[in-house]
Amino acid sequence: MNNTRLLSLSLAFSSLKKNVTRTGLTLFGIMVGIALVIVVQSLGSGAQSLILGQVSSFGDDWINTEIKVPAASKTSRDNAAGVVRGIEITTLTYEDMHAITKLQNIKDAYAGITTQVVAGHKEEKMRPYVFGVTSAYQKINKDELTTGRFFTKEEERGVSQVVVLGSQVKENLFAQSDAIGKSITVDGKKYRVIGVMEEIGSKGFIDMDKNVYIPLKTVQKKIMGINHVLWIISQTKDNSLAESTADEIRFLMRQRHDISSPEKQDFAVTTMGEALDIIGNVGFGINILLLVLAGISLIVAGVGIMNVMYVSVAERTFEIGLRKAVGATEKDILYQFLAEAILLTLFGGIIGIVVGIGVAYGVALGANYAGFNWAFAIPPSSIFLSVSFSIVVGLFFGIYPARKASKLNPIAAIRKE
């Protein structure tokens, strides 16, 4: 770099130091935009890994069959009640689960439904979610018990009033006491505790430790008064055949529900691979949207730089005229003001990167403290994108004021002073 370039850089730095307040406000605008880019990409990466981890926690060899609004009557749905606004979906049944288990590539399956109840033991009460499931639930999900056992097929068929407690429910109702063999009330009826699940944490954003597990038929007959289920999870023998097996399930369900066309399907069948693809696509779309918003913030900051450069040119007209009068070329003036714009955006970018990493780390700490397995990650692309974008913003929004300054007539500029 020659002496002229060094002089331009030195003059640019000196000018920025002279106007600390204006420089600080401009840096703040750039910093916010760059920090947003870092935070958005970090949060996008962390959220996607969290969601994928949550879904993957259910295993990779399952196929989910759940109730769905037929395409002809699309509206919002409440899964917990199996009710679509104005429509109650009651077509998915326990018998459908048995039909699915007879397919060649299905190893086992369980059906389920959820609701919320008041559970109590002596003076202690809480409102856990009930998972009304069939006996294969624990085997397919591979969730272990700390004490006791899960309910059997015989207890399921006999509509037995037995319950398995989530670890937090046991802690709330029994504290350090042994719960096995004792009774709790579920909506006023007595249920015998036969097992306590180990601490599981969150799955699919559901805190599994705050659930209780009761045989499906017991929940249907004695708690909810219904005959249908909300979902059926089937486990494949050969997961490489998951897609073709899902097609078999769709064909079977259309036959059982007397559905003539896919548009009238009152169920949805999703493989683990399809679920991960959907999550990946949604995450990518959200990330792009947030990056566009961050880009708009940077453009607004760039307009601020242009305004600052215009003011700087106006304030230093005499200086520009004097430098040109003693031999400075148009390029020298151009480089000086471009250097100011690039220094502004570069410093703002560096500060923004540091702030963005700090905010992203703080969010990761908070999420982990709240019980989410949130991975702190700063994609290298976000650093490269931030630095590159800050330089481009400086060049793009600084070039016009810099060119205007370089084209000033030295005599007219000196006279203006």
Protein backbone atom coordinates (compact mmCIF):
# COMPACT_ATOMS: atom_id res chain seq x y z
CA MET A 1 0.00 0.00 0.00
CA ASN A 2 1.57 3.34 -1.04
CA ASN A 3 1.86 6.50 1.07
CA THR A 4 -1.20 8.10 -0.56
CA ARG A 5 -3.42 5.16 0.44
CA LEU A 6 -2.01 5.21 3.97
CA LEU A 7 -2.69 8.95 4.18
CA SER A 8 -6.29 8.42 3.00
CA LEU A 9 -6.78 5.75 5.64
CA SER A 10 -5.23 7.93 8.35
CA LEU A 11 -7.41 10.92 7.40
CA ALA A 12 -10.51 8.72 7.35
CA PHE A 13 -9.72 7.36 10.82
CA SER A 14 -9.06 10.86 12.17
CA SER A 15 -12.37 12.12 10.77
CA LEU A 16 -14.27 9.30 12.46
CA LYS A 17 -12.59 10.09 15.80
CA LYS A 18 -13.55 13.76 15.55
CA ASN A 19 -17.28 12.95 15.32
CA VAL A 20 -17.60 10.32 18.06
CA THR A 21 -21.37 10.64 18.54
CA ARG A 22 -22.20 10.46 14.84
CA THR A 23 -19.74 7.62 14.33
CA GLY A 24 -21.18 5.73 17.31
CA LEU A 25 -24.77 6.00 16.08
CA THR A 26 -23.76 4.83 12.60
CA LEU A 27 -21.78 1.93 14.08
CA PHE A 28 -24.82 1.00 16.17
CA GLY A 29 -27.00 0.67 13.06
CA ILE A 30 -24.47 -1.59 11.34
CA MET A 31 -23.87 -3.54 14.56
CA VAL A 32 -27.57 -4.34 14.96
CA GLY A 33 -27.86 -5.57 11.37
CA ILE A 34 -24.75 -7.77 11.58
CA ALA A 35 -25.69 -9.09 15.03
CA LEU A 36 -29.10 -10.06 13.64
CA VAL A 37 -27.45 -12.06 10.87
CA ILE A 38 -25.32 -13.96 13.43
CA VAL A 39 -28.20 -14.50 15.87
CA VAL A 40 -30.65 -15.58 13.16
CA GLN A 41 -28.29 -18.15 11.70
CA SER A 42 -27.24 -19.44 15.11
CA LEU A 43 -30.81 -19.69 16.39
CA GLY A 44 -31.93 -21.27 13.13
CA SER A 45 -29.21 -23.89 13.43
CA GLY A 46 -29.92 -24.49 17.12
CA ALA A 47 -33.69 -24.68 16.70
CA GLN A 48 -33.44 -27.05 13.76
CA SER A 49 -31.07 -29.36 15.61
CA LEU A 50 -33.38 -29.23 18.65
CA ILE A 51 -36.48 -30.12 16.62
CA LEU A 52 -34.68 -32.84 14.69
CA GLY A 53 -33.36 -34.21 17.97
CA GLN A 54 -36.84 -34.14 19.50
CA VAL A 55 -38.33 -36.02 16.56
CA SER A 56 -35.40 -38.43 16.37
CA SER A 57 -35.89 -39.24 20.05
CA PHE A 58 -38.96 -41.24 19.07
CA GLY A 59 -36.75 -43.56 16.99
CA ASP A 60 -36.13 -43.87 13.26
CA ASP A 61 -38.15 -46.99 12.56
CA TRP A 62 -41.69 -45.74 13.08
CA ILE A 63 -44.60 -44.76 10.86
CA ASN A 64 -47.22 -42.43 12.27
CA THR A 65 -50.88 -42.69 11.28
CA GLU A 66 -53.02 -39.89 12.71
CA ILE A 67 -56.38 -38.24 12.21
CA LYS A 68 -56.56 -35.54 9.54
CA VAL A 69 -59.15 -33.20 8.13
CA PRO A 70 -60.17 -34.33 4.63
CA ALA A 71 -59.00 -31.88 1.94
CA ALA A 72 -62.60 -31.05 1.12
CA SER A 73 -63.16 -29.58 4.59
CA LYS A 74 -59.85 -28.09 5.68
CA THR A 75 -59.97 -26.28 9.01
CA SER A 76 -57.93 -26.15 12.20
CA ARG A 77 -57.66 -29.12 14.51
CA ASP A 78 -57.32 -29.78 18.21
CA ASN A 79 -55.32 -33.01 18.49
CA ALA A 80 -55.91 -33.42 22.20
CA ALA A 81 -59.64 -33.82 21.72
CA GLY A 82 -59.66 -35.25 18.21
CA VAL A 83 -62.01 -32.46 17.21
CA VAL A 84 -61.90 -30.36 14.08
CA ARG A 85 -63.78 -27.08 14.32
CA GLY A 86 -67.34 -28.22 13.65
CA ILE A 87 -66.21 -31.81 12.91
CA GLU A 88 -65.27 -34.65 15.25
CA ILE A 89 -62.83 -37.09 13.65
CA THR A 90 -63.76 -40.49 15.08
CA THR A 91 -62.77 -42.84 12.27
CA LEU A 92 -59.33 -43.95 13.46
CA THR A 93 -59.80 -46.90 15.82
CA TYR A 94 -58.19 -49.58 17.93
CA GLU A 95 -59.18 -52.10 15.25
CA ASP A 96 -57.23 -50.10 12.64
CA MET A 97 -54.12 -50.62 14.76
CA HIS A 98 -54.64 -54.40 14.76
CA ALA A 99 -55.11 -54.38 10.98
CA ILE A 100 -51.83 -52.46 10.54
CA THR A 101 -49.90 -54.97 12.70
CA LYS A 102 -50.81 -57.72 10.20
CA LEU A 103 -48.85 -56.04 7.40
CA GLN A 104 -45.69 -57.93 6.46
CA ASN A 105 -43.15 -55.23 7.36
CA ILE A 106 -44.79 -54.17 10.64
CA LYS A 107 -43.11 -55.48 13.77
CA ASP A 108 -45.52 -53.98 16.33
CA ALA A 109 -47.80 -50.99 16.86
CA TYR A 110 -49.55 -49.02 19.55
CA ALA A 111 -52.53 -46.67 19.46
CA GLY A 112 -53.00 -43.64 21.65
CA ILE A 113 -55.06 -40.70 22.78
CA THR A 114 -54.33 -37.82 25.18
CA THR A 115 -56.32 -35.74 27.59
CA GLN A 116 -55.69 -33.73 30.74
CA VAL A 117 -56.98 -34.78 34.14
CA VAL A 118 -56.79 -33.89 37.82
CA ALA A 119 -54.62 -36.42 39.64
CA GLY A 120 -54.22 -36.53 43.37
CA HIS A 121 -52.81 -38.44 46.33
CA LYS A 122 -53.92 -37.39 49.80
CA GLU A 123 -53.60 -33.58 49.87
CA GLU A 124 -51.37 -33.33 46.81
CA LYS A 125 -52.99 -32.56 43.43
CA MET A 126 -51.77 -31.70 39.92
CA ARG A 127 -53.02 -31.66 36.32
CA PRO A 128 -50.92 -34.09 34.28
CA TYR A 129 -51.56 -35.20 30.73
CA VAL A 130 -52.85 -38.74 30.38
CA PHE A 131 -51.40 -40.88 27.63
CA GLY A 132 -54.02 -43.53 26.95
CA VAL A 133 -51.95 -46.09 25.06
CA THR A 134 -51.80 -49.77 24.31
CA SER A 135 -49.31 -52.09 26.00
CA ALA A 136 -46.70 -51.97 23.18
CA TYR A 137 -46.03 -48.27 23.88
CA GLN A 138 -43.18 -48.80 26.32
CA LYS A 139 -41.48 -51.48 24.22
CA ILE A 140 -41.58 -49.44 20.99
CA ASN A 141 -40.51 -46.17 22.63
CA LYS A 142 -37.82 -47.96 24.65
CA ASP A 143 -38.59 -45.86 27.73
CA GLU A 144 -37.33 -47.52 30.91
CA LEU A 145 -39.00 -47.67 34.32
CA THR A 146 -37.22 -46.92 37.60
CA THR A 147 -39.60 -49.13 39.57
CA GLY A 148 -42.54 -51.40 38.82
CA ARG A 149 -43.73 -52.36 35.35
CA PHE A 150 -45.85 -51.22 32.43
CA PHE A 151 -49.40 -52.53 32.03
CA THR A 152 -50.07 -55.74 30.13
CA LYS A 153 -52.41 -56.65 27.25
CA GLU A 154 -54.67 -58.40 29.76
CA GLU A 155 -54.98 -55.23 31.87
CA GLU A 156 -55.61 -53.27 28.69
CA ARG A 157 -58.39 -55.61 27.53
CA GLY A 158 -59.85 -55.79 31.03
CA VAL A 159 -60.21 -51.97 31.25
CA SER A 160 -58.13 -52.08 34.43
CA GLN A 161 -57.72 -48.96 36.54
CA VAL A 162 -53.93 -49.06 36.72
CA VAL A 163 -51.50 -46.22 36.08
CA VAL A 164 -47.81 -45.67 35.38
CA LEU A 165 -46.47 -42.33 36.61
CA GLY A 166 -44.01 -40.00 34.96
CA SER A 167 -41.03 -39.21 37.20
CA GLN A 168 -42.17 -35.65 37.98
CA VAL A 169 -45.74 -36.77 38.74
CA LYS A 170 -44.39 -39.33 41.18
CA GLU A 171 -42.19 -36.66 42.79
CA ASN A 172 -45.11 -34.22 43.13
CA LEU A 173 -47.60 -36.72 44.54
CA PHE A 174 -45.39 -39.04 46.63
CA ALA A 175 -42.14 -37.11 47.17
CA GLN A 176 -39.61 -39.65 48.51
CA SER A 177 -42.21 -42.30 49.37
CA ASP A 178 -42.61 -45.50 47.36
CA ALA A 179 -45.59 -45.18 44.97
CA ILE A 180 -45.86 -48.80 43.79
CA GLY A 181 -49.05 -50.48 44.97
CA LYS A 182 -50.57 -47.26 46.25
CA SER A 183 -53.56 -45.48 44.73
CA ILE A 184 -54.04 -42.09 43.18
CA THR A 185 -57.28 -40.45 42.07
CA VAL A 186 -57.75 -39.59 38.41
CA ASP A 187 -60.77 -37.33 37.96
CA GLY A 188 -62.09 -38.66 41.26
CA LYS A 189 -61.63 -42.42 40.51
CA LYS A 190 -59.01 -44.62 42.14
CA TYR A 191 -56.15 -46.01 40.05
CA ARG A 192 -53.47 -48.36 41.35
CA VAL A 193 -49.86 -47.31 40.65
CA ILE A 194 -47.97 -50.19 39.03
CA GLY A 195 -44.90 -48.38 37.69
CA VAL A 196 -42.82 -45.20 37.63
CA MET A 197 -41.01 -44.12 34.47
CA GLU A 198 -37.40 -43.00 34.58
CA GLU A 199 -36.67 -39.33 33.91
CA ILE A 200 -37.13 -38.82 30.17
CA GLY A 201 -37.32 -35.07 29.62
CA SER A 202 -38.95 -33.53 26.57
CA LYS A 203 -39.99 -35.38 23.44
CA GLY A 204 -41.61 -33.43 20.66
CA PHE A 205 -41.79 -30.45 23.08
CA ILE A 206 -43.87 -32.50 25.52
CA ASP A 207 -42.46 -32.90 29.03
CA MET A 208 -42.83 -36.66 29.32
CA ASP A 209 -42.03 -36.59 33.04
CA LYS A 210 -45.33 -34.80 33.72
CA ASN A 211 -47.47 -37.49 32.06
CA VAL A 212 -49.31 -40.49 33.41
CA TYR A 213 -49.92 -43.64 31.36
CA ILE A 214 -53.21 -45.53 31.52
CA PRO A 215 -54.45 -48.40 29.32
CA LEU A 216 -56.12 -47.05 26.16
CA LYS A 217 -59.47 -48.78 26.67
CA THR A 218 -59.63 -47.52 30.26
CA VAL A 219 -59.16 -43.93 29.08
CA GLN A 220 -61.70 -44.42 26.28
CA LYS A 221 -64.40 -45.97 28.45
CA LYS A 222 -63.89 -44.51 31.92
CA ILE A 223 -62.37 -41.07 31.35
CA MET A 224 -63.28 -39.72 27.90
CA GLY A 225 -66.30 -41.80 26.83
CA ILE A 226 -65.10 -42.32 23.25
CA ASN A 227 -64.19 -45.21 20.93
CA HIS A 228 -61.64 -43.64 18.58
CA VAL A 229 -57.92 -42.93 18.84
CA LEU A 230 -55.79 -39.99 17.73
CA TRP A 231 -52.74 -41.77 16.43
CA ILE A 232 -51.20 -45.14 15.68
CA ILE A 233 -47.43 -45.59 15.82
CA SER A 234 -46.24 -48.67 13.95
CA GLN A 235 -42.70 -50.05 14.10
CA THR A 236 -41.12 -51.43 10.93
CA LYS A 237 -39.05 -54.59 10.66
CA ASP A 238 -36.98 -53.26 7.75
CA ASN A 239 -36.75 -49.47 7.82
CA SER A 240 -35.43 -49.35 4.23
CA LEU A 241 -38.96 -50.36 3.17
CA ALA A 242 -40.62 -47.59 5.22
CA GLU A 243 -41.96 -45.66 2.22
CA SER A 244 -43.55 -48.69 0.56
CA THR A 245 -44.94 -49.80 3.93
CA ALA A 246 -46.47 -46.34 4.41
CA ASP A 247 -48.16 -46.74 1.02
CA GLU A 248 -49.55 -50.10 2.17
CA ILE A 249 -50.95 -48.45 5.32
CA ARG A 250 -52.60 -45.71 3.24
CA PHE A 251 -54.20 -48.32 0.96
CA LEU A 252 -55.34 -50.37 3.97
CA MET A 253 -56.86 -47.35 5.73
CA ARG A 254 -58.68 -46.21 2.59
CA GLN A 255 -60.18 -49.69 2.35
CA ARG A 256 -61.17 -49.82 6.03
CA HIS A 257 -62.60 -46.28 6.01
CA ASP A 258 -64.34 -46.78 2.66
CA ILE A 259 -62.50 -43.84 1.05
CA SER A 260 -62.54 -43.69 -2.73
CA SER A 261 -59.93 -40.93 -3.34
CA PRO A 262 -56.90 -39.48 -1.50
CA GLU A 263 -58.64 -36.07 -1.25
CA LYS A 264 -61.22 -37.61 1.10
CA GLN A 265 -58.66 -39.20 3.45
CA ASP A 266 -59.44 -38.62 7.11
CA PHE A 267 -55.98 -39.78 8.15
CA ALA A 268 -52.34 -38.92 7.43
CA VAL A 269 -49.45 -41.38 7.26
CA THR A 270 -45.93 -40.05 7.85
CA THR A 271 -42.61 -41.86 7.98
CA MET A 272 -39.67 -40.66 10.05
CA GLY A 273 -37.86 -39.63 6.85
CA GLU A 274 -40.82 -37.56 5.68
CA ALA A 275 -41.12 -35.88 9.08
CA LEU A 276 -37.44 -34.90 9.03
CA ASP A 277 -37.76 -33.57 5.47
CA ILE A 278 -40.77 -31.45 6.41
CA ILE A 279 -38.96 -30.05 9.46
CA GLY A 280 -35.85 -29.33 7.38
CA ASN A 281 -37.84 -27.50 4.69
CA VAL A 282 -39.80 -25.45 7.23
CA GLY A 283 -36.61 -24.56 9.11
CA PHE A 284 -34.87 -23.51 5.89
CA GLY A 285 -37.82 -21.32 4.88
CA ILE A 286 -37.97 -19.61 8.27
CA ASN A 287 -34.21 -19.06 8.24
CA ILE A 288 -34.36 -17.42 4.82
CA LEU A 289 -37.23 -15.17 5.93
CA LEU A 290 -35.33 -14.04 9.03
CA LEU A 291 -32.18 -13.43 6.99
CA VAL A 292 -34.18 -11.23 4.60
CA LEU A 293 -35.41 -9.22 7.60
CA ALA A 294 -31.82 -8.90 8.86
CA GLY A 295 -30.77 -7.83 5.35
CA ILE A 296 -33.39 -5.08 5.39
CA SER A 297 -31.95 -3.89 8.70
CA LEU A 298 -28.50 -3.72 7.09
CA ILE A 299 -29.84 -1.79 4.12
CA VAL A 300 -31.42 0.75 6.50
CA ALA A 301 -28.06 1.03 8.25
CA GLY A 302 -26.42 1.52 4.82
CA VAL A 303 -28.76 4.43 4.07
CA GLY A 304 -27.61 5.90 7.39
CA ILE A 305 -24.00 5.59 6.24
CA MET A 306 -24.83 7.39 3.01
CA ASN A 307 -26.44 10.25 4.96
CA VAL A 308 -23.43 10.48 7.26
CA MET A 309 -21.08 10.59 4.27
CA TYR A 310 -23.12 13.34 2.63
CA VAL A 311 -22.93 15.41 5.83
CA SER A 312 -19.21 14.71 6.07
CA VAL A 313 -18.64 15.89 2.49
CA ALA A 314 -20.66 19.04 3.12
CA GLU A 315 -18.77 19.82 6.34
CA ARG A 316 -15.35 19.27 4.77
CA THR A 317 -15.79 21.03 1.45
CA PHE A 318 -12.97 23.45 2.25
CA GLU A 319 -10.63 20.62 3.27
CA ILE A 320 -11.38 18.79 0.00
CA GLY A 321 -10.73 21.93 -2.05
CA LEU A 322 -7.48 22.62 -0.16
CA ARG A 323 -6.20 19.05 -0.66
CA LYS A 324 -6.97 19.15 -4.36
CA ALA A 325 -5.34 22.58 -4.64
CA VAL A 326 -2.05 21.22 -3.24
CA GLY A 327 -2.01 18.20 -5.55
CA ALA A 328 -4.47 15.55 -4.29
CA THR A 329 -6.10 13.70 -7.17
CA GLU A 330 -9.73 12.66 -7.53
CA LYS A 331 -8.67 9.12 -6.68
CA ASP A 332 -7.06 10.32 -3.43
CA ILE A 333 -10.28 12.02 -2.34
CA LEU A 334 -12.37 9.04 -3.48
CA TYR A 335 -10.19 6.62 -1.49
CA GLN A 336 -10.34 8.82 1.61
CA PHE A 337 -14.13 8.90 1.78
CA LEU A 338 -14.52 5.27 0.71
CA ALA A 339 -12.09 4.35 3.48
CA GLU A 340 -14.33 6.17 5.98
CA ALA A 341 -17.42 4.24 4.81
CA ILE A 342 -15.59 0.88 4.86
CA LEU A 343 -14.04 1.55 8.27
CA LEU A 344 -17.49 2.37 9.65
CA THR A 345 -19.04 -0.82 8.35
CA LEU A 346 -16.01 -2.97 9.21
CA PHE A 347 -15.87 -1.78 12.83
CA GLY A 348 -19.66 -2.08 13.06
CA GLY A 349 -19.43 -5.56 11.59
CA ILE A 350 -16.79 -6.70 14.11
CA ILE A 351 -18.78 -5.33 17.04
CA GLY A 352 -21.95 -6.88 15.58
CA ILE A 353 -20.27 -10.29 15.30
CA VAL A 354 -19.16 -10.16 18.95
CA VAL A 355 -22.61 -9.00 20.13
CA GLY A 356 -24.38 -11.56 17.93
CA ILE A 357 -22.26 -14.43 19.29
CA GLY A 358 -22.91 -13.21 22.83
CA VAL A 359 -26.68 -13.04 22.31
CA ALA A 360 -26.78 -16.46 20.61
CA TYR A 361 -24.74 -17.96 23.46
CA GLY A 362 -27.08 -16.39 26.01
CA VAL A 363 -30.13 -17.86 24.25
CA ALA A 364 -28.47 -21.30 24.18
CA LEU A 365 -27.70 -21.08 27.91
CA GLY A 366 -31.28 -20.02 28.66
CA ALA A 367 -32.75 -22.81 26.53
CA ASN A 368 -30.56 -25.44 28.21
CA TYR A 369 -31.45 -24.04 31.64
CA ALA A 370 -35.14 -24.42 30.68
CA GLY A 371 -34.54 -28.09 29.88
CA PHE A 372 -34.11 -27.98 26.11
CA ASN A 373 -31.15 -29.73 24.53
CA TRP A 374 -30.12 -26.64 22.55
CA ALA A 375 -26.78 -26.84 20.76
CA PHE A 376 -24.85 -23.55 20.59
CA ALA A 377 -23.49 -23.20 17.07
CA ILE A 378 -22.20 -20.32 14.95
CA PRO A 379 -22.12 -21.44 11.31
CA PRO A 380 -18.86 -20.23 9.68
CA SER A 381 -20.99 -19.03 6.78
CA SER A 382 -22.65 -16.48 9.08
CA ILE A 383 -19.26 -14.90 9.97
CA PHE A 384 -18.22 -14.81 6.31
CA LEU A 385 -21.63 -13.45 5.29
CA SER A 386 -21.54 -10.76 7.97
CA VAL A 387 -18.04 -9.49 7.15
CA SER A 388 -18.68 -9.62 3.41
CA PHE A 389 -22.02 -7.90 3.69
CA SER A 390 -20.65 -5.13 5.90
CA ILE A 391 -17.88 -4.37 3.37
CA VAL A 392 -20.34 -4.47 0.47
CA VAL A 393 -22.70 -2.12 2.35
CA GLY A 394 -19.81 0.28 2.96
CA LEU A 395 -18.77 0.24 -0.69
CA PHE A 396 -22.29 0.45 -2.07
CA PHE A 397 -23.55 3.26 0.12
CA GLY A 398 -20.23 5.11 0.36
CA ILE A 399 -19.32 5.20 -3.33
CA TYR A 400 -21.76 7.93 -4.40
CA PRO A 401 -20.87 10.48 -1.67
CA ALA A 402 -17.18 9.67 -2.20
CA ARG A 403 -17.46 10.26 -5.95
CA LYS A 404 -19.30 13.52 -5.31
CA ALA A 405 -16.48 14.64 -3.02
CA SER A 406 -13.79 13.66 -5.56
CA LYS A 407 -15.49 15.66 -8.33
CA LEU A 408 -15.60 18.94 -6.39
CA ASN A 409 -13.91 21.90 -8.07
CA PRO A 410 -11.06 22.98 -5.74
CA ILE A 411 -11.51 26.73 -6.33
CA ALA A 412 -15.30 26.56 -5.84
CA ALA A 413 -14.81 24.42 -2.73
CA ILE A 414 -12.33 26.89 -1.16
CA ARG A 415 -14.54 29.88 -2.00
CA LYS A 416 -17.55 28.13 -0.40
CA GLU A 417 -15.72 28.16 2.92
